[in-house]
Amino acid sequence: MARRCELSGKSVATGNNVSHANNKTRRRFLPNLNKTAILSDSLKQSVSFRVATSTLRTIDHVGGLDAYLLKTPDAKLSARARQVKKLVQKRQQASA
């Protein structure tokens, strides 16, 4: 399983450990991923994703999973997230 957030696309970053003697060794910065179930208002059910905690805060800030999915470009989303986004768009068009 890839170490990638399914909603934001955040993944492993690389950099250096720098010692006091200024020796540099390569290291990896791993995203803080959690498997969580997020409630979708238009689908009226929870959807399970592997998401970074920073993305969870963004979802709360934007106003929920549906709003976040609709504003996020498809290139950042995983295949499952794109399917959920399509379902949300269909439900919102049907209710409008």
PDB file of N, CA and C in Angstrom:
ATOM      1  N   MET A   1       0.847  -1.183   0.000  1.00  0.00           N
ATOM      2  CA  MET A   1       0.000   0.000   0.000  1.00  0.00           C
ATOM      3  C   MET A   1       0.890   1.244   0.000  1.00  0.00           C
ATOM      4  N   ALA A   2       0.603   2.159  -0.885  1.00  0.00           N
ATOM      5  CA  ALA A   2       1.401   3.368  -1.009  1.00  0.00           C
ATOM      6  C   ALA A   2       1.190   4.287   0.191  1.00  0.00           C
ATOM      7  N   ARG A   3       2.228   4.987   0.580  1.00  0.00           N
ATOM      8  CA  ARG A   3       2.123   5.951   1.670  1.00  0.00           C
ATOM      9  C   ARG A   3       1.691   7.287   1.079  1.00  0.00           C
ATOM     10  N   ARG A   4       0.422   7.327   0.691  1.00  0.00           N
ATOM     11  CA  ARG A   4      -0.128   8.503   0.031  1.00  0.00           C
ATOM     12  C   ARG A   4      -1.535   8.747   0.547  1.00  0.00           C
ATOM     13  N   CYS A   5      -1.831  10.006   0.830  1.00  0.00           N
ATOM     14  CA  CYS A   5      -3.173  10.390   1.264  1.00  0.00           C
ATOM     15  C   CYS A   5      -4.112  10.252   0.067  1.00  0.00           C
ATOM     16  N   GLU A   6      -5.258   9.597   0.268  1.00  0.00           N
ATOM     17  CA  GLU A   6      -6.181   9.348  -0.837  1.00  0.00           C
ATOM     18  C   GLU A   6      -6.921  10.604  -1.282  1.00  0.00           C
ATOM     19  N   LEU A   7      -6.995  11.612  -0.429  1.00  0.00           N
ATOM     20  CA  LEU A   7      -7.756  12.811  -0.772  1.00  0.00           C
ATOM     21  C   LEU A   7      -6.884  13.992  -1.184  1.00  0.00           C
ATOM     22  N   SER A   8      -5.750  14.179  -0.540  1.00  0.00           N
ATOM     23  CA  SER A   8      -4.923  15.346  -0.872  1.00  0.00           C
ATOM     24  C   SER A   8      -3.725  15.003  -1.748  1.00  0.00           C
ATOM     25  N   GLY A   9      -3.351  13.723  -1.821  1.00  0.00           N
ATOM     26  CA  GLY A   9      -2.191  13.342  -2.617  1.00  0.00           C
ATOM     27  C   GLY A   9      -0.877  13.530  -1.894  1.00  0.00           C
ATOM     28  N   LYS A  10      -0.918  13.926  -0.621  1.00  0.00           N
ATOM     29  CA  LYS A  10       0.308  14.126   0.155  1.00  0.00           C
ATOM     30  C   LYS A  10       1.030  12.788   0.279  1.00  0.00           C
ATOM     31  N   SER A  11       2.350  12.787   0.000  1.00  0.00           N
ATOM     32  CA  SER A  11       3.105  11.534   0.025  1.00  0.00           C
ATOM     33  C   SER A  11       4.447  11.747   0.722  1.00  0.00           C
ATOM     34  N   VAL A  12       5.311  10.757   0.605  1.00  0.00           N
ATOM     35  CA  VAL A  12       6.612  10.786   1.260  1.00  0.00           C
ATOM     36  C   VAL A  12       7.469  11.900   0.657  1.00  0.00           C
ATOM     37  N   ALA A  13       8.118  12.665   1.529  1.00  0.00           N
ATOM     38  CA  ALA A  13       9.073  13.688   1.098  1.00  0.00           C
ATOM     39  C   ALA A  13      10.463  13.270   1.574  1.00  0.00           C
ATOM     40  N   THR A  14      11.488  13.751   0.915  1.00  0.00           N
ATOM     41  CA  THR A  14      12.850  13.396   1.309  1.00  0.00           C
ATOM     42  C   THR A  14      13.624  14.636   1.692  1.00  0.00           C
ATOM     43  N   GLY A  15      14.673  14.430   2.462  1.00  0.00           N
ATOM     44  CA  GLY A  15      15.509  15.533   2.897  1.00  0.00           C
ATOM     45  C   GLY A  15      16.773  14.990   3.533  1.00  0.00           C
ATOM     46  N   ASN A  16      17.390  15.783   4.380  1.00  0.00           N
ATOM     47  CA  ASN A  16      18.638  15.400   5.031  1.00  0.00           C
ATOM     48  C   ASN A  16      18.525  15.501   6.536  1.00  0.00           C
ATOM     49  N   ASN A  17      19.179  14.548   7.249  1.00  0.00           N
ATOM     50  CA  ASN A  17      19.511  14.742   8.647  1.00  0.00           C
ATOM     51  C   ASN A  17      20.825  15.499   8.647  1.00  0.00           C
ATOM     52  N   VAL A  18      20.907  16.573   9.397  1.00  0.00           N
ATOM     53  CA  VAL A  18      22.137  17.359   9.449  1.00  0.00           C
ATOM     54  C   VAL A  18      22.647  17.330  10.880  1.00  0.00           C
ATOM     55  N   SER A  19      23.844  16.771  11.069  1.00  0.00           N
ATOM     56  CA  SER A  19      24.422  16.654  12.407  1.00  0.00           C
ATOM     57  C   SER A  19      25.073  17.975  12.821  1.00  0.00           C
ATOM     58  N   HIS A  20      25.508  18.014  14.062  1.00  0.00           N
ATOM     59  CA  HIS A  20      26.191  19.202  14.569  1.00  0.00           C
ATOM     60  C   HIS A  20      27.477  19.464  13.783  1.00  0.00           C
ATOM     61  N   ALA A  21      28.092  18.383  13.288  1.00  0.00           N
ATOM     62  CA  ALA A  21      29.310  18.511  12.487  1.00  0.00           C
ATOM     63  C   ALA A  21      28.994  18.769  11.008  1.00  0.00           C
ATOM     64  N   ASN A  22      27.723  19.021  10.712  1.00  0.00           N
ATOM     65  CA  ASN A  22      27.241  19.321   9.370  1.00  0.00           C
ATOM     66  C   ASN A  22      27.365  18.132   8.415  1.00  0.00           C
ATOM     67  N   ASN A  23      27.351  16.904   8.956  1.00  0.00           N
ATOM     68  CA  ASN A  23      27.283  15.709   8.115  1.00  0.00           C
ATOM     69  C   ASN A  23      25.835  15.544   7.665  1.00  0.00           C
ATOM     70  N   LYS A  24      25.646  15.205   6.395  1.00  0.00           N
ATOM     71  CA  LYS A  24      24.288  15.078   5.862  1.00  0.00           C
ATOM     72  C   LYS A  24      24.025  13.634   5.459  1.00  0.00           C
ATOM     73  N   THR A  25      22.922  13.087   5.946  1.00  0.00           N
ATOM     74  CA  THR A  25      22.472  11.760   5.541  1.00  0.00           C
ATOM     75  C   THR A  25      21.026  11.869   5.102  1.00  0.00           C
ATOM     76  N   ARG A  26      20.666  11.080   4.083  1.00  0.00           N
ATOM     77  CA  ARG A  26      19.314  11.170   3.534  1.00  0.00           C
ATOM     78  C   ARG A  26      18.301  10.591   4.506  1.00  0.00           C
ATOM     79  N   ARG A  27      17.109  11.163   4.515  1.00  0.00           N
ATOM     80  CA  ARG A  27      16.032  10.660   5.342  1.00  0.00           C
ATOM     81  C   ARG A  27      14.709  10.845   4.625  1.00  0.00           C
ATOM     82  N   ARG A  28      13.649  10.225   5.168  1.00  0.00           N
ATOM     83  CA  ARG A  28      12.309  10.311   4.585  1.00  0.00           C
ATOM     84  C   ARG A  28      11.377  10.952   5.599  1.00  0.00           C
ATOM     85  N   PHE A  29      10.538  11.849   5.113  1.00  0.00           N
ATOM     86  CA  PHE A  29       9.482  12.444   5.923  1.00  0.00           C
ATOM     87  C   PHE A  29       8.183  11.757   5.536  1.00  0.00           C
ATOM     88  N   LEU A  30       7.615  10.951   6.437  1.00  0.00           N
ATOM     89  CA  LEU A  30       6.402  10.197   6.129  1.00  0.00           C
ATOM     90  C   LEU A  30       5.170  11.000   6.523  1.00  0.00           C
ATOM     91  N   PRO A  31       4.119  10.964   5.709  1.00  0.00           N
ATOM     92  CA  PRO A  31       2.886  11.664   6.074  1.00  0.00           C
ATOM     93  C   PRO A  31       2.197  10.931   7.223  1.00  0.00           C
ATOM     94  N   ASN A  32       1.488  11.672   8.057  1.00  0.00           N
ATOM     95  CA  ASN A  32       0.774  11.103   9.198  1.00  0.00           C
ATOM     96  C   ASN A  32      -0.577  10.587   8.703  1.00  0.00           C
ATOM     97  N   LEU A  33      -0.605   9.322   8.259  1.00  0.00           N
ATOM     98  CA  LEU A  33      -1.808   8.742   7.662  1.00  0.00           C
ATOM     99  C   LEU A  33      -2.624   7.970   8.688  1.00  0.00           C
ATOM    100  N   ASN A  34      -3.942   8.123   8.606  1.00  0.00           N
ATOM    101  CA  ASN A  34      -4.875   7.386   9.445  1.00  0.00           C
ATOM    102  C   ASN A  34      -6.002   6.862   8.576  1.00  0.00           C
ATOM    103  N   LYS A  35      -6.466   5.657   8.890  1.00  0.00           N
ATOM    104  CA  LYS A  35      -7.626   5.108   8.187  1.00  0.00           C
ATOM    105  C   LYS A  35      -8.855   5.578   8.951  1.00  0.00           C
ATOM    106  N   THR A  36      -9.676   6.423   8.312  1.00  0.00           N
ATOM    107  CA  THR A  36     -10.837   6.990   8.984  1.00  0.00           C
ATOM    108  C   THR A  36     -12.070   6.885   8.100  1.00  0.00           C
ATOM    109  N   ALA A  37     -13.215   6.823   8.750  1.00  0.00           N
ATOM    110  CA  ALA A  37     -14.498   6.844   8.052  1.00  0.00           C
ATOM    111  C   ALA A  37     -15.041   8.262   8.158  1.00  0.00           C
ATOM    112  N   ILE A  38     -15.319   8.880   7.029  1.00  0.00           N
ATOM    113  CA  ILE A  38     -15.781  10.270   6.975  1.00  0.00           C
ATOM    114  C   ILE A  38     -17.208  10.268   6.451  1.00  0.00           C
ATOM    115  N   LEU A  39     -18.087  11.012   7.113  1.00  0.00           N
ATOM    116  CA  LEU A  39     -19.495  11.050   6.748  1.00  0.00           C
ATOM    117  C   LEU A  39     -19.719  11.967   5.551  1.00  0.00           C
ATOM    118  N   SER A  40     -20.404  11.444   4.541  1.00  0.00           N
ATOM    119  CA  SER A  40     -20.793  12.235   3.385  1.00  0.00           C
ATOM    120  C   SER A  40     -22.248  12.653   3.564  1.00  0.00           C
ATOM    121  N   ASP A  41     -22.510  13.954   3.504  1.00  0.00           N
ATOM    122  CA  ASP A  41     -23.863  14.464   3.736  1.00  0.00           C
ATOM    123  C   ASP A  41     -24.816  14.076   2.604  1.00  0.00           C
ATOM    124  N   SER A  42     -24.378  14.182   1.364  1.00  0.00           N
ATOM    125  CA  SER A  42     -25.279  13.905   0.253  1.00  0.00           C
ATOM    126  C   SER A  42     -25.509  12.405   0.057  1.00  0.00           C
ATOM    127  N   LEU A  43     -24.498  11.568   0.357  1.00  0.00           N
ATOM    128  CA  LEU A  43     -24.661  10.123   0.223  1.00  0.00           C
ATOM    129  C   LEU A  43     -25.328   9.509   1.447  1.00  0.00           C
ATOM    130  N   LYS A  44     -25.346  10.249   2.570  1.00  0.00           N
ATOM    131  CA  LYS A  44     -25.925   9.799   3.832  1.00  0.00           C
ATOM    132  C   LYS A  44     -25.309   8.492   4.317  1.00  0.00           C
ATOM    133  N   GLN A  45     -23.996   8.361   4.143  1.00  0.00           N
ATOM    134  CA  GLN A  45     -23.265   7.215   4.655  1.00  0.00           C
ATOM    135  C   GLN A  45     -21.811   7.616   4.856  1.00  0.00           C
ATOM    136  N   SER A  46     -21.082   6.830   5.631  1.00  0.00           N
ATOM    137  CA  SER A  46     -19.678   7.132   5.846  1.00  0.00           C
ATOM    138  C   SER A  46     -18.835   6.379   4.824  1.00  0.00           C
ATOM    139  N   VAL A  47     -17.741   7.012   4.428  1.00  0.00           N
ATOM    140  CA  VAL A  47     -16.822   6.456   3.440  1.00  0.00           C
ATOM    141  C   VAL A  47     -15.459   6.354   4.105  1.00  0.00           C
ATOM    142  N   SER A  48     -14.796   5.217   3.945  1.00  0.00           N
ATOM    143  CA  SER A  48     -13.516   4.981   4.597  1.00  0.00           C
ATOM    144  C   SER A  48     -12.370   5.340   3.656  1.00  0.00           C
ATOM    145  N   PHE A  49     -11.442   6.141   4.151  1.00  0.00           N
ATOM    146  CA  PHE A  49     -10.274   6.557   3.385  1.00  0.00           C
ATOM    147  C   PHE A  49      -9.033   6.478   4.260  1.00  0.00           C
ATOM    148  N   ARG A  50      -7.861   6.386   3.618  1.00  0.00           N
ATOM    149  CA  ARG A  50      -6.580   6.521   4.305  1.00  0.00           C
ATOM    150  C   ARG A  50      -6.127   7.958   4.067  1.00  0.00           C
ATOM    151  N   VAL A  51      -6.208   8.772   5.126  1.00  0.00           N
ATOM    152  CA  VAL A  51      -6.104  10.218   4.981  1.00  0.00           C
ATOM    153  C   VAL A  51      -5.067  10.778   5.941  1.00  0.00           C
ATOM    154  N   ALA A  52      -4.345  11.816   5.520  1.00  0.00           N
ATOM    155  CA  ALA A  52      -3.424  12.541   6.389  1.00  0.00           C
ATOM    156  C   ALA A  52      -4.219  13.387   7.384  1.00  0.00           C
ATOM    157  N   THR A  53      -3.682  13.561   8.580  1.00  0.00           N
ATOM    158  CA  THR A  53      -4.393  14.332   9.593  1.00  0.00           C
ATOM    159  C   THR A  53      -4.556  15.791   9.169  1.00  0.00           C
ATOM    160  N   SER A  54      -3.611  16.322   8.408  1.00  0.00           N
ATOM    161  CA  SER A  54      -3.752  17.692   7.915  1.00  0.00           C
ATOM    162  C   SER A  54      -4.942  17.803   6.963  1.00  0.00           C
ATOM    163  N   THR A  55      -5.202  16.743   6.205  1.00  0.00           N
ATOM    164  CA  THR A  55      -6.346  16.731   5.299  1.00  0.00           C
ATOM    165  C   THR A  55      -7.652  16.688   6.083  1.00  0.00           C
ATOM    166  N   LEU A  56      -7.671  15.970   7.198  1.00  0.00           N
ATOM    167  CA  LEU A  56      -8.870  15.935   8.045  1.00  0.00           C
ATOM    168  C   LEU A  56      -9.217  17.333   8.546  1.00  0.00           C
ATOM    169  N   ARG A  57      -8.194  18.090   8.944  1.00  0.00           N
ATOM    170  CA  ARG A  57      -8.434  19.466   9.390  1.00  0.00           C
ATOM    171  C   ARG A  57      -8.952  20.323   8.244  1.00  0.00           C
ATOM    172  N   THR A  58      -8.437  20.112   7.033  1.00  0.00           N
ATOM    173  CA  THR A  58      -8.886  20.861   5.871  1.00  0.00           C
ATOM    174  C   THR A  58     -10.339  20.535   5.542  1.00  0.00           C
ATOM    175  N   ILE A  59     -10.710  19.263   5.665  1.00  0.00           N
ATOM    176  CA  ILE A  59     -12.098  18.850   5.407  1.00  0.00           C
ATOM    177  C   ILE A  59     -13.035  19.567   6.375  1.00  0.00           C
ATOM    178  N   ASP A  60     -12.657  19.628   7.644  1.00  0.00           N
ATOM    179  CA  ASP A  60     -13.471  20.349   8.623  1.00  0.00           C
ATOM    180  C   ASP A  60     -13.558  21.834   8.281  1.00  0.00           C
ATOM    181  N   HIS A  61     -12.452  22.413   7.848  1.00  0.00           N
ATOM    182  CA  HIS A  61     -12.407  23.843   7.544  1.00  0.00           C
ATOM    183  C   HIS A  61     -13.285  24.191   6.342  1.00  0.00           C
ATOM    184  N   VAL A  62     -13.270  23.325   5.326  1.00  0.00           N
ATOM    185  CA  VAL A  62     -14.009  23.590   4.090  1.00  0.00           C
ATOM    186  C   VAL A  62     -15.509  23.386   4.280  1.00  0.00           C
ATOM    187  N   GLY A  63     -15.896  22.472   5.182  1.00  0.00           N
ATOM    188  CA  GLY A  63     -17.317  22.268   5.435  1.00  0.00           C
ATOM    189  C   GLY A  63     -17.803  20.860   5.157  1.00  0.00           C
ATOM    190  N   GLY A  64     -16.908  19.890   5.203  1.00  0.00           N
ATOM    191  CA  GLY A  64     -17.324  18.511   5.036  1.00  0.00           C
ATOM    192  C   GLY A  64     -16.689  17.837   3.842  1.00  0.00           C
ATOM    193  N   LEU A  65     -16.892  16.525   3.778  1.00  0.00           N
ATOM    194  CA  LEU A  65     -16.277  15.719   2.722  1.00  0.00           C
ATOM    195  C   LEU A  65     -16.782  16.106   1.340  1.00  0.00           C
ATOM    196  N   ASP A  66     -18.081  16.340   1.214  1.00  0.00           N
ATOM    197  CA  ASP A  66     -18.642  16.663  -0.104  1.00  0.00           C
ATOM    198  C   ASP A  66     -18.038  17.939  -0.667  1.00  0.00           C
ATOM    199  N   ALA A  67     -17.971  18.974   0.138  1.00  0.00           N
ATOM    200  CA  ALA A  67     -17.395  20.251  -0.314  1.00  0.00           C
ATOM    201  C   ALA A  67     -15.923  20.086  -0.667  1.00  0.00           C
ATOM    202  N   TYR A  68     -15.198  19.299   0.133  1.00  0.00           N
ATOM    203  CA  TYR A  68     -13.774  19.093  -0.145  1.00  0.00           C
ATOM    204  C   TYR A  68     -13.581  18.361  -1.471  1.00  0.00           C
ATOM    205  N   LEU A  69     -14.349  17.300  -1.698  1.00  0.00           N
ATOM    206  CA  LEU A  69     -14.206  16.537  -2.936  1.00  0.00           C
ATOM    207  C   LEU A  69     -14.537  17.382  -4.163  1.00  0.00           C
ATOM    208  N   LEU A  70     -15.566  18.208  -4.067  1.00  0.00           N
ATOM    209  CA  LEU A  70     -15.977  19.010  -5.212  1.00  0.00           C
ATOM    210  C   LEU A  70     -14.958  20.080  -5.574  1.00  0.00           C
ATOM    211  N   LYS A  71     -14.202  20.586  -4.588  1.00  0.00           N
ATOM    212  CA  LYS A  71     -13.235  21.635  -4.884  1.00  0.00           C
ATOM    213  C   LYS A  71     -11.842  21.087  -5.229  1.00  0.00           C
ATOM    214  N   THR A  72     -11.585  19.807  -4.961  1.00  0.00           N
ATOM    215  CA  THR A  72     -10.269  19.224  -5.193  1.00  0.00           C
ATOM    216  C   THR A  72     -10.158  18.712  -6.632  1.00  0.00           C
ATOM    217  N   PRO A  73      -9.059  19.024  -7.340  1.00  0.00           N
ATOM    218  CA  PRO A  73      -8.888  18.513  -8.702  1.00  0.00           C
ATOM    219  C   PRO A  73      -8.727  16.992  -8.702  1.00  0.00           C
ATOM    220  N   ASP A  74      -9.196  16.345  -9.776  1.00  0.00           N
ATOM    221  CA  ASP A  74      -9.159  14.888  -9.875  1.00  0.00           C
ATOM    222  C   ASP A  74      -7.737  14.330  -9.834  1.00  0.00           C
ATOM    223  N   ALA A  75      -6.752  15.101 -10.257  1.00  0.00           N
ATOM    224  CA  ALA A  75      -5.373  14.618 -10.296  1.00  0.00           C
ATOM    225  C   ALA A  75      -4.842  14.305  -8.897  1.00  0.00           C
ATOM    226  N   LYS A  76      -5.331  15.009  -7.883  1.00  0.00           N
ATOM    227  CA  LYS A  76      -4.872  14.767  -6.516  1.00  0.00           C
ATOM    228  C   LYS A  76      -5.574  13.588  -5.860  1.00  0.00           C
ATOM    229  N   LEU A  77      -6.761  13.222  -6.349  1.00  0.00           N
ATOM    230  CA  LEU A  77      -7.572  12.195  -5.706  1.00  0.00           C
ATOM    231  C   LEU A  77      -7.189  10.798  -6.174  1.00  0.00           C
ATOM    232  N   SER A  78      -7.391   9.805  -5.289  1.00  0.00           N
ATOM    233  CA  SER A  78      -7.193   8.406  -5.670  1.00  0.00           C
ATOM    234  C   SER A  78      -8.378   7.958  -6.523  1.00  0.00           C
ATOM    235  N   ALA A  79      -8.285   6.762  -7.084  1.00  0.00           N
ATOM    236  CA  ALA A  79      -9.355   6.249  -7.936  1.00  0.00           C
ATOM    237  C   ALA A  79     -10.658   6.101  -7.156  1.00  0.00           C
ATOM    238  N   ARG A  80     -10.578   5.600  -5.921  1.00  0.00           N
ATOM    239  CA  ARG A  80     -11.778   5.447  -5.092  1.00  0.00           C
ATOM    240  C   ARG A  80     -12.392   6.796  -4.742  1.00  0.00           C
ATOM    241  N   ALA A  81     -11.542   7.776  -4.469  1.00  0.00           N
ATOM    242  CA  ALA A  81     -12.037   9.109  -4.136  1.00  0.00           C
ATOM    243  C   ALA A  81     -12.726   9.745  -5.343  1.00  0.00           C
ATOM    244  N   ARG A  82     -12.204   9.491  -6.550  1.00  0.00           N
ATOM    245  CA  ARG A  82     -12.851  10.014  -7.762  1.00  0.00           C
ATOM    246  C   ARG A  82     -14.226   9.392  -7.962  1.00  0.00           C
ATOM    247  N   GLN A  83     -14.374   8.096  -7.636  1.00  0.00           N
ATOM    248  CA  GLN A  83     -15.673   7.439  -7.729  1.00  0.00           C
ATOM    249  C   GLN A  83     -16.670   8.056  -6.756  1.00  0.00           C
ATOM    250  N   VAL A  84     -16.219   8.310  -5.531  1.00  0.00           N
ATOM    251  CA  VAL A  84     -17.092   8.925  -4.530  1.00  0.00           C
ATOM    252  C   VAL A  84     -17.470  10.333  -4.969  1.00  0.00           C
ATOM    253  N   LYS A  85     -16.513  11.071  -5.541  1.00  0.00           N
ATOM    254  CA  LYS A  85     -16.786  12.424  -6.023  1.00  0.00           C
ATOM    255  C   LYS A  85     -17.866  12.404  -7.101  1.00  0.00           C
ATOM    256  N   LYS A  86     -17.795  11.414  -8.008  1.00  0.00           N
ATOM    257  CA  LYS A  86     -18.785  11.284  -9.066  1.00  0.00           C
ATOM    258  C   LYS A  86     -20.172  11.017  -8.484  1.00  0.00           C
ATOM    259  N   LEU A  87     -20.239  10.137  -7.472  1.00  0.00           N
ATOM    260  CA  LEU A  87     -21.513   9.840  -6.815  1.00  0.00           C
ATOM    261  C   LEU A  87     -22.089  11.079  -6.133  1.00  0.00           C
ATOM    262  N   VAL A  88     -21.236  11.851  -5.465  1.00  0.00           N
ATOM    263  CA  VAL A  88     -21.675  13.070  -4.789  1.00  0.00           C
ATOM    264  C   VAL A  88     -22.216  14.064  -5.807  1.00  0.00           C
ATOM    265  N   GLN A  89     -21.523  14.223  -6.948  1.00  0.00           N
ATOM    266  CA  GLN A  89     -22.008  15.144  -7.979  1.00  0.00           C
ATOM    267  C   GLN A  89     -23.353  14.710  -8.515  1.00  0.00           C
ATOM    268  N   LYS A  90     -23.569  13.413  -8.741  1.00  0.00           N
ATOM    269  CA  LYS A  90     -24.846  12.911  -9.238  1.00  0.00           C
ATOM    270  C   LYS A  90     -25.963  13.176  -8.229  1.00  0.00           C
ATOM    271  N   ARG A  91     -25.690  12.924  -6.961  1.00  0.00           N
ATOM    272  CA  ARG A  91     -26.700  13.136  -5.922  1.00  0.00           C
ATOM    273  C   ARG A  91     -27.070  14.610  -5.804  1.00  0.00           C
ATOM    274  N   GLN A  92     -26.069  15.486  -5.887  1.00  0.00           N
ATOM    275  CA  GLN A  92     -26.351  16.914  -5.760  1.00  0.00           C
ATOM    276  C   GLN A  92     -27.099  17.442  -6.979  1.00  0.00           C
ATOM    277  N   GLN A  93     -26.817  16.919  -8.161  1.00  0.00           N
ATOM    278  CA  GLN A  93     -27.554  17.337  -9.361  1.00  0.00           C
ATOM    279  C   GLN A  93     -28.986  16.823  -9.313  1.00  0.00           C
ATOM    280  N   ALA A  94     -29.173  15.611  -8.789  1.00  0.00           N
ATOM    281  CA  ALA A  94     -30.513  15.038  -8.698  1.00  0.00           C
ATOM    282  C   ALA A  94     -31.380  15.790  -7.688  1.00  0.00           C
ATOM    283  N   SER A  95     -30.772  16.266  -6.605  1.00  0.00           N
ATOM    284  CA  SER A  95     -31.542  16.976  -5.583  1.00  0.00           C
ATOM    285  C   SER A  95     -31.794  18.424  -5.961  1.00  0.00           C
ATOM    286  N   ALA A  96     -31.033  18.951  -6.902  1.00  0.00           N
ATOM    287  CA  ALA A  96     -31.203  20.363  -7.283  1.00  0.00           C
ATOM    288  C   ALA A  96     -32.325  20.568  -8.267  1.00  0.00           C
TER     289      ALA A  96
END
